[in-house]
């Protein structure tokens, strides 16, 4: 089986700041969310955890899997989508004509912002990870959890479930909620 989870909350989530690749740790609420998820999903078996190397995802994985002796393997292909020059911007929806808002409102029309990543680049790296790493482990009968980020996780969900880019955000992966994909 394959599961996916988004990291717990951070101070930037609370401030409605775009995090992207900026390495922001969990806040206390995020840590409590990961602890609650560990309790809620304790009966679900995992053989392996693949995780973004960004601290908010790693910390979520460590708290969520504490005491379970499940390897946590970080892979750069699971980092969050880069939002380029808009990383750190607060409340982008309050800025008229802010180009990063197309990413959220009309993903099929999004063009990568300066220093940012396109959907094509995001799908290429996460798709490669699924094909090269996850599929062989699933074929071996392993139960896998991927712990990552909103956009990165959505790219995996869309590829596995064959969801079009127009519906990129429809899965609505909440912080520390487990989603079964396969």
N, C-alpha and C. Protein backbone atom coordinates (compact mmCIF):
# COMPACT_ATOMS: atom_id res chain seq x y z
N UNK A 1 0.84 -1.19 0.00
CA UNK A 1 0.00 0.00 0.00
C UNK A 1 0.88 1.25 0.00
N UNK A 2 0.33 2.31 -0.53
CA UNK A 2 1.03 3.59 -0.58
C UNK A 2 0.16 4.65 0.07
N UNK A 3 0.77 5.37 1.00
CA UNK A 3 0.10 6.45 1.71
C UNK A 3 0.92 7.73 1.54
N UNK A 4 0.23 8.85 1.71
CA UNK A 4 0.91 10.15 1.64
C UNK A 4 0.39 11.04 2.76
N UNK A 5 1.25 11.90 3.28
CA UNK A 5 0.87 12.81 4.36
C UNK A 5 1.61 14.14 4.18
N UNK A 6 0.92 15.21 4.51
CA UNK A 6 1.54 16.54 4.51
C UNK A 6 2.06 16.84 5.91
N UNK A 7 3.14 17.58 5.98
CA UNK A 7 3.77 17.95 7.26
C UNK A 7 2.78 18.70 8.17
N UNK A 8 3.14 18.79 9.45
CA UNK A 8 2.37 19.58 10.41
C UNK A 8 2.53 21.06 10.17
N UNK A 9 1.77 21.86 10.89
CA UNK A 9 1.77 23.32 10.69
C UNK A 9 3.07 23.97 11.14
N UNK A 10 3.33 25.11 10.50
CA UNK A 10 4.50 25.94 10.82
C UNK A 10 4.00 27.36 11.11
N UNK A 11 4.88 28.19 11.63
CA UNK A 11 4.52 29.60 11.84
C UNK A 11 4.16 30.27 10.51
N UNK A 12 4.83 29.87 9.44
CA UNK A 12 4.52 30.47 8.14
C UNK A 12 3.14 30.05 7.65
N UNK A 13 2.71 28.82 7.95
CA UNK A 13 1.34 28.43 7.61
C UNK A 13 0.36 29.36 8.30
N UNK A 14 0.61 29.64 9.57
CA UNK A 14 -0.27 30.50 10.36
C UNK A 14 -0.32 31.92 9.79
N UNK A 15 0.80 32.39 9.25
CA UNK A 15 0.89 33.75 8.71
C UNK A 15 0.49 33.82 7.23
N UNK A 16 0.11 32.68 6.65
CA UNK A 16 -0.25 32.60 5.22
C UNK A 16 0.90 33.07 4.33
N UNK A 17 2.11 32.60 4.69
CA UNK A 17 3.30 32.88 3.88
C UNK A 17 3.61 31.67 3.01
N UNK A 18 4.04 31.93 1.79
CA UNK A 18 4.45 30.85 0.90
C UNK A 18 5.80 30.31 1.36
N UNK A 19 5.86 29.02 1.68
CA UNK A 19 7.10 28.43 2.18
C UNK A 19 7.98 27.90 1.07
N UNK A 20 7.41 27.09 0.19
CA UNK A 20 8.22 26.50 -0.86
C UNK A 20 9.41 25.77 -0.30
N UNK A 21 10.58 26.09 -0.82
CA UNK A 21 11.82 25.43 -0.39
C UNK A 21 12.44 26.08 0.84
N UNK A 22 11.86 27.18 1.32
CA UNK A 22 12.38 27.81 2.53
C UNK A 22 12.22 26.82 3.68
N UNK A 23 13.28 26.60 4.42
CA UNK A 23 13.31 25.52 5.42
C UNK A 23 12.80 25.99 6.77
N UNK A 24 11.49 25.94 6.94
CA UNK A 24 10.81 26.42 8.15
C UNK A 24 10.44 25.22 9.03
N UNK A 25 10.77 25.26 10.32
CA UNK A 25 10.43 24.13 11.21
C UNK A 25 8.95 24.13 11.59
N UNK A 26 8.51 23.01 12.14
CA UNK A 26 7.17 22.93 12.71
C UNK A 26 7.06 23.89 13.88
N UNK A 27 5.86 24.37 14.15
CA UNK A 27 5.61 25.10 15.39
C UNK A 27 5.00 24.12 16.39
N UNK A 28 4.66 24.60 17.57
CA UNK A 28 4.13 23.69 18.60
C UNK A 28 2.85 23.00 18.14
N UNK A 29 1.99 23.74 17.46
CA UNK A 29 0.76 23.12 16.96
C UNK A 29 1.09 22.03 15.95
N UNK A 30 2.06 22.26 15.09
CA UNK A 30 2.48 21.26 14.11
C UNK A 30 3.01 20.00 14.78
N UNK A 31 3.76 20.17 15.85
CA UNK A 31 4.26 19.01 16.60
C UNK A 31 3.12 18.23 17.25
N UNK A 32 2.16 18.98 17.81
CA UNK A 32 0.98 18.31 18.41
C UNK A 32 0.18 17.57 17.33
N UNK A 33 0.08 18.15 16.16
CA UNK A 33 -0.64 17.49 15.06
C UNK A 33 0.03 16.17 14.69
N UNK A 34 1.36 16.17 14.62
CA UNK A 34 2.10 14.95 14.28
C UNK A 34 1.93 13.89 15.38
N UNK A 35 1.93 14.33 16.63
CA UNK A 35 1.70 13.40 17.74
C UNK A 35 0.29 12.81 17.68
N UNK A 36 -0.69 13.64 17.40
CA UNK A 36 -2.08 13.18 17.31
C UNK A 36 -2.23 12.20 16.14
N UNK A 37 -1.56 12.49 15.02
CA UNK A 37 -1.61 11.60 13.86
C UNK A 37 -0.97 10.25 14.20
N UNK A 38 0.12 10.28 14.96
CA UNK A 38 0.79 9.04 15.36
C UNK A 38 -0.17 8.15 16.14
N UNK A 39 -0.94 8.76 17.02
CA UNK A 39 -1.93 8.01 17.80
C UNK A 39 -3.08 7.54 16.92
N UNK A 40 -3.60 8.43 16.10
CA UNK A 40 -4.75 8.11 15.26
C UNK A 40 -4.46 6.97 14.28
N UNK A 41 -3.25 6.96 13.72
CA UNK A 41 -2.92 5.98 12.68
C UNK A 41 -1.97 4.89 13.17
N UNK A 42 -1.89 4.69 14.48
CA UNK A 42 -0.94 3.71 15.01
C UNK A 42 -1.19 2.29 14.52
N UNK A 43 -2.40 1.98 14.14
CA UNK A 43 -2.72 0.64 13.68
C UNK A 43 -2.39 0.37 12.23
N UNK A 44 -1.91 1.38 11.51
CA UNK A 44 -1.58 1.20 10.09
C UNK A 44 -0.11 0.82 9.96
N UNK A 45 0.12 -0.25 9.23
CA UNK A 45 1.47 -0.77 9.04
C UNK A 45 2.22 -0.01 7.94
N UNK A 46 3.48 0.31 8.22
CA UNK A 46 4.39 0.89 7.23
C UNK A 46 5.70 0.14 7.32
N UNK A 47 6.29 -0.14 6.17
CA UNK A 47 7.63 -0.72 6.13
C UNK A 47 8.69 0.35 5.96
N UNK A 48 8.35 1.38 5.17
CA UNK A 48 9.31 2.44 4.84
C UNK A 48 8.61 3.79 4.83
N UNK A 49 9.39 4.81 5.17
CA UNK A 49 8.93 6.18 5.05
C UNK A 49 9.91 6.93 4.16
N UNK A 50 9.38 7.52 3.09
CA UNK A 50 10.17 8.42 2.27
C UNK A 50 9.71 9.82 2.60
N UNK A 51 10.66 10.73 2.67
CA UNK A 51 10.39 12.04 3.25
C UNK A 51 11.17 13.13 2.54
N UNK A 52 10.57 14.30 2.46
CA UNK A 52 11.28 15.48 2.02
C UNK A 52 12.40 15.77 3.02
N UNK A 53 13.54 16.27 2.53
CA UNK A 53 14.61 16.64 3.47
C UNK A 53 14.37 17.95 4.20
N UNK A 54 13.32 18.70 3.85
CA UNK A 54 13.04 19.95 4.55
C UNK A 54 12.59 19.65 5.98
N UNK A 55 13.03 20.47 6.93
CA UNK A 55 12.87 20.20 8.35
C UNK A 55 11.42 19.96 8.77
N UNK A 56 10.47 20.69 8.20
CA UNK A 56 9.07 20.52 8.62
C UNK A 56 8.55 19.14 8.27
N UNK A 57 8.99 18.57 7.17
CA UNK A 57 8.58 17.21 6.80
C UNK A 57 9.36 16.17 7.61
N UNK A 58 10.66 16.37 7.75
CA UNK A 58 11.48 15.41 8.52
C UNK A 58 11.00 15.33 9.96
N UNK A 59 10.74 16.50 10.56
CA UNK A 59 10.29 16.52 11.95
C UNK A 59 8.93 15.83 12.08
N UNK A 60 8.04 16.06 11.13
CA UNK A 60 6.74 15.38 11.14
C UNK A 60 6.94 13.87 11.08
N UNK A 61 7.80 13.40 10.18
CA UNK A 61 8.07 11.96 10.05
C UNK A 61 8.63 11.38 11.34
N UNK A 62 9.58 12.09 11.95
CA UNK A 62 10.20 11.59 13.18
C UNK A 62 9.20 11.48 14.32
N UNK A 63 8.35 12.48 14.47
CA UNK A 63 7.33 12.45 15.52
C UNK A 63 6.28 11.39 15.21
N UNK A 64 5.81 11.35 13.98
CA UNK A 64 4.76 10.43 13.57
C UNK A 64 5.18 8.97 13.72
N UNK A 65 6.44 8.67 13.45
CA UNK A 65 6.90 7.28 13.46
C UNK A 65 7.73 6.92 14.70
N UNK A 66 7.77 7.81 15.67
CA UNK A 66 8.57 7.59 16.87
C UNK A 66 8.23 6.24 17.52
N UNK A 67 9.28 5.46 17.79
CA UNK A 67 9.12 4.18 18.46
C UNK A 67 8.68 3.04 17.55
N UNK A 68 8.55 3.29 16.26
CA UNK A 68 8.05 2.24 15.35
C UNK A 68 9.15 1.55 14.56
N UNK A 69 10.38 2.00 14.68
CA UNK A 69 11.52 1.38 14.00
C UNK A 69 11.29 1.25 12.49
N UNK A 70 10.77 2.30 11.90
CA UNK A 70 10.54 2.36 10.46
C UNK A 70 11.58 3.31 9.87
N UNK A 71 12.35 2.85 8.89
CA UNK A 71 13.36 3.74 8.30
C UNK A 71 12.72 4.98 7.67
N UNK A 72 13.33 6.14 7.91
CA UNK A 72 12.92 7.39 7.29
C UNK A 72 14.03 7.76 6.30
N UNK A 73 13.68 7.75 5.03
CA UNK A 73 14.65 7.99 3.96
C UNK A 73 14.30 9.30 3.27
N UNK A 74 15.21 10.28 3.38
CA UNK A 74 14.99 11.59 2.75
C UNK A 74 15.46 11.56 1.30
N UNK A 75 14.72 12.27 0.45
CA UNK A 75 15.06 12.35 -0.96
C UNK A 75 14.73 13.75 -1.45
N UNK A 76 15.69 14.41 -2.08
CA UNK A 76 15.50 15.79 -2.56
C UNK A 76 14.36 15.91 -3.57
N UNK A 77 14.03 14.83 -4.25
CA UNK A 77 12.93 14.89 -5.22
C UNK A 77 11.57 15.09 -4.53
N UNK A 78 11.56 14.98 -3.20
CA UNK A 78 10.33 15.17 -2.43
C UNK A 78 10.25 16.55 -1.78
N UNK A 79 11.19 17.43 -2.10
CA UNK A 79 11.11 18.81 -1.59
C UNK A 79 9.86 19.48 -2.14
N UNK A 80 9.43 20.53 -1.45
CA UNK A 80 8.28 21.29 -1.92
C UNK A 80 8.62 21.99 -3.23
N UNK A 81 7.59 22.31 -3.98
CA UNK A 81 7.73 23.08 -5.21
C UNK A 81 8.38 24.42 -4.87
N UNK A 82 9.28 24.86 -5.71
CA UNK A 82 9.91 26.16 -5.49
C UNK A 82 9.01 27.27 -6.01
N UNK A 83 8.78 28.27 -5.17
CA UNK A 83 7.96 29.42 -5.55
C UNK A 83 8.83 30.64 -5.87
N UNK A 84 10.13 30.41 -6.05
CA UNK A 84 11.04 31.45 -6.50
C UNK A 84 11.00 32.71 -5.66
N UNK A 85 10.92 33.85 -6.35
CA UNK A 85 10.98 35.15 -5.66
C UNK A 85 9.77 35.39 -4.77
N UNK A 86 8.76 34.53 -4.87
CA UNK A 86 7.56 34.72 -4.04
C UNK A 86 7.60 33.93 -2.74
N UNK A 87 8.66 33.18 -2.51
CA UNK A 87 8.77 32.49 -1.22
C UNK A 87 8.89 33.53 -0.11
N UNK A 88 8.11 33.35 0.91
CA UNK A 88 8.11 34.28 2.04
C UNK A 88 7.07 35.37 1.92
N UNK A 89 6.42 35.48 0.76
CA UNK A 89 5.39 36.51 0.61
C UNK A 89 4.18 36.14 1.47
N UNK A 90 3.62 37.14 2.10
CA UNK A 90 2.48 36.92 3.00
C UNK A 90 1.19 37.36 2.32
N UNK A 91 0.15 36.53 2.44
CA UNK A 91 -1.18 36.85 1.91
C UNK A 91 -1.16 37.29 0.45
N UNK A 92 -0.63 36.45 -0.41
CA UNK A 92 -0.50 36.81 -1.83
C UNK A 92 -1.86 37.13 -2.46
N UNK A 93 -2.93 36.54 -1.95
CA UNK A 93 -4.25 36.79 -2.54
C UNK A 93 -4.74 38.21 -2.29
N UNK A 94 -4.10 38.92 -1.39
CA UNK A 94 -4.46 40.31 -1.15
C UNK A 94 -3.68 41.27 -2.04
N UNK A 95 -2.80 40.73 -2.88
CA UNK A 95 -2.00 41.55 -3.79
C UNK A 95 -2.60 41.42 -5.19
N UNK A 96 -3.20 42.48 -5.71
CA UNK A 96 -3.83 42.41 -7.04
C UNK A 96 -2.83 41.99 -8.11
N UNK A 97 -3.26 41.10 -8.97
CA UNK A 97 -2.46 40.63 -10.11
C UNK A 97 -1.14 39.97 -9.72
N UNK A 98 -1.04 39.43 -8.52
CA UNK A 98 0.18 38.72 -8.12
C UNK A 98 0.26 37.42 -8.94
N UNK A 99 1.33 37.25 -9.74
CA UNK A 99 1.39 36.10 -10.65
C UNK A 99 1.42 34.74 -9.96
N UNK A 100 1.86 34.67 -8.73
CA UNK A 100 1.91 33.37 -8.04
C UNK A 100 0.49 32.86 -7.77
N UNK A 101 -0.50 33.75 -7.71
CA UNK A 101 -1.87 33.32 -7.43
C UNK A 101 -2.44 32.43 -8.53
N UNK A 102 -1.92 32.53 -9.75
CA UNK A 102 -2.35 31.65 -10.83
C UNK A 102 -2.07 30.19 -10.47
N UNK A 103 -0.99 29.96 -9.76
CA UNK A 103 -0.65 28.60 -9.31
C UNK A 103 -1.80 27.98 -8.53
N UNK A 104 -2.46 28.77 -7.71
CA UNK A 104 -3.52 28.26 -6.85
C UNK A 104 -4.90 28.36 -7.48
N UNK A 105 -5.14 29.41 -8.25
CA UNK A 105 -6.47 29.64 -8.83
C UNK A 105 -6.69 28.97 -10.17
N UNK A 106 -5.64 28.93 -11.01
CA UNK A 106 -5.74 28.36 -12.35
C UNK A 106 -4.46 27.58 -12.66
N UNK A 107 -4.24 26.47 -11.98
CA UNK A 107 -2.96 25.77 -12.13
C UNK A 107 -2.60 25.43 -13.57
N UNK A 108 -3.57 25.12 -14.40
CA UNK A 108 -3.28 24.76 -15.79
C UNK A 108 -2.69 25.94 -16.57
N UNK A 109 -2.89 27.16 -16.09
CA UNK A 109 -2.37 28.36 -16.77
C UNK A 109 -1.11 28.91 -16.10
N UNK A 110 -0.61 28.24 -15.07
CA UNK A 110 0.54 28.75 -14.32
C UNK A 110 1.82 28.66 -15.14
N UNK A 111 2.55 29.74 -15.15
CA UNK A 111 3.90 29.80 -15.72
C UNK A 111 4.85 30.07 -14.56
N UNK A 112 5.93 29.33 -14.48
CA UNK A 112 6.86 29.47 -13.37
C UNK A 112 7.31 30.92 -13.21
N UNK A 113 7.29 31.39 -11.97
CA UNK A 113 7.75 32.74 -11.66
C UNK A 113 9.28 32.73 -11.60
N UNK A 114 9.87 33.91 -11.56
CA UNK A 114 11.33 34.04 -11.52
C UNK A 114 11.91 33.21 -10.38
N UNK A 115 12.82 32.32 -10.74
CA UNK A 115 13.48 31.47 -9.75
C UNK A 115 12.62 30.32 -9.28
N UNK A 116 11.41 30.20 -9.79
CA UNK A 116 10.48 29.16 -9.36
C UNK A 116 10.50 27.95 -10.25
N UNK A 117 9.71 26.99 -9.89
CA UNK A 117 9.64 25.71 -10.58
C UNK A 117 8.32 25.62 -11.35
N UNK A 118 8.38 25.04 -12.52
CA UNK A 118 7.16 24.83 -13.31
C UNK A 118 6.52 23.50 -12.89
N UNK A 119 5.27 23.32 -13.27
CA UNK A 119 4.60 22.04 -13.02
C UNK A 119 5.32 20.92 -13.76
N UNK A 120 5.83 21.20 -14.94
CA UNK A 120 6.54 20.17 -15.71
C UNK A 120 7.76 19.68 -14.92
N UNK A 121 8.50 20.62 -14.33
CA UNK A 121 9.68 20.25 -13.54
C UNK A 121 9.28 19.47 -12.28
N UNK A 122 8.23 19.93 -11.61
CA UNK A 122 7.75 19.26 -10.41
C UNK A 122 7.32 17.83 -10.73
N UNK A 123 6.52 17.67 -11.77
CA UNK A 123 6.03 16.34 -12.16
C UNK A 123 7.19 15.43 -12.59
N UNK A 124 8.18 16.00 -13.26
CA UNK A 124 9.32 15.19 -13.72
C UNK A 124 10.06 14.59 -12.53
N UNK A 125 10.35 15.40 -11.52
CA UNK A 125 11.15 14.87 -10.39
C UNK A 125 10.33 13.94 -9.50
N UNK A 126 9.06 14.27 -9.24
CA UNK A 126 8.26 13.38 -8.40
C UNK A 126 7.86 12.12 -9.16
N UNK A 127 7.62 12.25 -10.46
CA UNK A 127 7.32 11.06 -11.27
C UNK A 127 8.50 10.10 -11.33
N UNK A 128 9.70 10.66 -11.49
CA UNK A 128 10.91 9.84 -11.49
C UNK A 128 11.04 9.11 -10.16
N UNK A 129 10.78 9.81 -9.06
CA UNK A 129 10.87 9.19 -7.74
C UNK A 129 9.88 8.02 -7.62
N UNK A 130 8.66 8.24 -8.07
CA UNK A 130 7.65 7.18 -7.99
C UNK A 130 8.10 5.96 -8.81
N UNK A 131 8.54 6.20 -10.03
CA UNK A 131 8.94 5.09 -10.91
C UNK A 131 10.19 4.37 -10.40
N UNK A 132 11.21 5.14 -9.99
CA UNK A 132 12.50 4.54 -9.64
C UNK A 132 12.55 3.97 -8.22
N UNK A 133 11.81 4.59 -7.29
CA UNK A 133 11.94 4.21 -5.88
C UNK A 133 10.69 3.51 -5.35
N UNK A 134 9.55 4.15 -5.53
CA UNK A 134 8.33 3.64 -4.90
C UNK A 134 7.80 2.38 -5.58
N UNK A 135 7.67 2.40 -6.90
CA UNK A 135 7.09 1.25 -7.59
C UNK A 135 7.84 -0.07 -7.33
N UNK A 136 9.19 -0.08 -7.34
CA UNK A 136 9.88 -1.34 -7.01
C UNK A 136 9.59 -1.83 -5.58
N UNK A 137 9.49 -0.90 -4.63
CA UNK A 137 9.19 -1.29 -3.24
C UNK A 137 7.76 -1.82 -3.12
N UNK A 138 6.83 -1.19 -3.82
CA UNK A 138 5.44 -1.69 -3.82
C UNK A 138 5.37 -3.07 -4.45
N UNK A 139 6.12 -3.27 -5.53
CA UNK A 139 6.15 -4.58 -6.20
C UNK A 139 6.71 -5.65 -5.28
N UNK A 140 7.55 -5.23 -4.32
CA UNK A 140 8.12 -6.14 -3.33
C UNK A 140 7.16 -6.38 -2.16
N UNK A 141 5.99 -5.76 -2.21
CA UNK A 141 5.00 -5.95 -1.16
C UNK A 141 5.13 -5.02 0.03
N UNK A 142 5.93 -3.98 -0.10
CA UNK A 142 6.15 -3.05 1.01
C UNK A 142 4.99 -2.06 1.14
N UNK A 143 4.71 -1.67 2.37
CA UNK A 143 3.76 -0.60 2.68
C UNK A 143 4.57 0.66 2.91
N UNK A 144 4.24 1.72 2.15
CA UNK A 144 5.07 2.92 2.12
C UNK A 144 4.25 4.14 2.49
N UNK A 145 4.89 5.05 3.24
CA UNK A 145 4.33 6.38 3.47
C UNK A 145 5.31 7.41 2.94
N UNK A 146 4.77 8.41 2.27
CA UNK A 146 5.55 9.56 1.82
C UNK A 146 5.09 10.75 2.63
N UNK A 147 6.02 11.45 3.28
CA UNK A 147 5.68 12.63 4.06
C UNK A 147 6.33 13.84 3.39
N UNK A 148 5.48 14.76 2.98
CA UNK A 148 5.98 15.90 2.22
C UNK A 148 5.17 17.15 2.40
N UNK A 149 4.82 17.76 1.28
CA UNK A 149 4.29 19.13 1.25
C UNK A 149 3.05 19.22 0.35
N UNK A 150 2.34 20.33 0.45
CA UNK A 150 1.09 20.51 -0.28
C UNK A 150 1.21 20.31 -1.78
N UNK A 151 2.04 21.11 -2.45
CA UNK A 151 2.14 21.02 -3.91
C UNK A 151 2.86 19.75 -4.33
N UNK A 152 3.93 19.40 -3.64
CA UNK A 152 4.67 18.19 -3.99
C UNK A 152 3.77 16.97 -3.84
N UNK A 153 3.05 16.87 -2.72
CA UNK A 153 2.15 15.74 -2.53
C UNK A 153 1.07 15.72 -3.61
N UNK A 154 0.51 16.89 -3.93
CA UNK A 154 -0.55 16.94 -4.95
C UNK A 154 -0.03 16.45 -6.29
N UNK A 155 1.24 16.72 -6.60
CA UNK A 155 1.78 16.24 -7.87
C UNK A 155 1.83 14.72 -7.90
N UNK A 156 2.11 14.09 -6.78
CA UNK A 156 2.12 12.63 -6.71
C UNK A 156 0.70 12.09 -6.81
N UNK A 157 -0.23 12.69 -6.08
CA UNK A 157 -1.62 12.26 -6.13
C UNK A 157 -2.15 12.35 -7.56
N UNK A 158 -1.91 13.47 -8.22
CA UNK A 158 -2.40 13.67 -9.59
C UNK A 158 -1.81 12.64 -10.55
N UNK A 159 -0.54 12.33 -10.40
CA UNK A 159 0.07 11.36 -11.30
C UNK A 159 -0.45 9.94 -11.05
N UNK A 160 -0.58 9.57 -9.81
CA UNK A 160 -1.03 8.21 -9.50
C UNK A 160 -2.50 8.03 -9.84
N UNK A 161 -3.31 9.04 -9.58
CA UNK A 161 -4.76 8.93 -9.82
C UNK A 161 -5.18 9.49 -11.18
N UNK A 162 -4.20 9.88 -11.99
CA UNK A 162 -4.46 10.41 -13.33
C UNK A 162 -5.44 11.59 -13.30
N UNK A 163 -5.15 12.55 -12.44
CA UNK A 163 -5.96 13.77 -12.29
C UNK A 163 -5.32 14.88 -13.11
N UNK A 164 -6.11 15.60 -13.86
CA UNK A 164 -5.59 16.67 -14.72
C UNK A 164 -5.11 17.86 -13.89
N UNK A 165 -4.26 18.65 -14.51
CA UNK A 165 -3.70 19.83 -13.85
C UNK A 165 -4.77 20.83 -13.43
N UNK A 166 -5.87 20.88 -14.16
CA UNK A 166 -6.97 21.78 -13.79
C UNK A 166 -7.50 21.47 -12.39
N UNK A 167 -7.35 20.23 -11.98
CA UNK A 167 -7.87 19.77 -10.67
C UNK A 167 -6.73 19.48 -9.68
N UNK A 168 -5.60 20.13 -9.90
CA UNK A 168 -4.40 19.88 -9.11
C UNK A 168 -4.64 19.95 -7.60
N UNK A 169 -5.39 20.94 -7.15
CA UNK A 169 -5.57 21.16 -5.72
C UNK A 169 -6.79 20.44 -5.14
N UNK A 170 -7.53 19.71 -5.95
CA UNK A 170 -8.78 19.10 -5.49
C UNK A 170 -8.60 18.09 -4.35
N UNK A 171 -7.45 17.43 -4.30
CA UNK A 171 -7.24 16.44 -3.24
C UNK A 171 -7.26 17.09 -1.86
N UNK A 172 -6.84 18.35 -1.78
CA UNK A 172 -6.90 19.10 -0.53
C UNK A 172 -6.24 18.40 0.64
N UNK A 173 -4.99 18.07 0.51
CA UNK A 173 -4.27 17.32 1.54
C UNK A 173 -4.03 18.21 2.75
N UNK A 174 -4.72 17.89 3.84
CA UNK A 174 -4.59 18.67 5.07
C UNK A 174 -3.32 18.27 5.82
N UNK A 175 -2.86 19.16 6.69
CA UNK A 175 -1.69 18.87 7.51
C UNK A 175 -1.94 17.63 8.37
N UNK A 176 -1.00 16.70 8.34
CA UNK A 176 -0.98 15.50 9.18
C UNK A 176 -2.20 14.59 9.02
N UNK A 177 -2.81 14.61 7.84
CA UNK A 177 -3.89 13.67 7.54
C UNK A 177 -3.34 12.64 6.56
N UNK A 178 -3.62 11.39 6.83
CA UNK A 178 -3.11 10.32 6.01
C UNK A 178 -4.07 10.07 4.84
N UNK A 179 -3.50 9.93 3.64
CA UNK A 179 -4.29 9.61 2.45
C UNK A 179 -3.72 8.34 1.84
N UNK A 180 -4.59 7.37 1.61
CA UNK A 180 -4.17 6.14 0.95
C UNK A 180 -4.30 6.34 -0.56
N UNK A 181 -3.21 6.06 -1.28
CA UNK A 181 -3.20 6.23 -2.73
C UNK A 181 -3.37 4.91 -3.47
N UNK A 182 -2.72 3.88 -3.02
CA UNK A 182 -2.77 2.55 -3.67
C UNK A 182 -2.90 1.47 -2.60
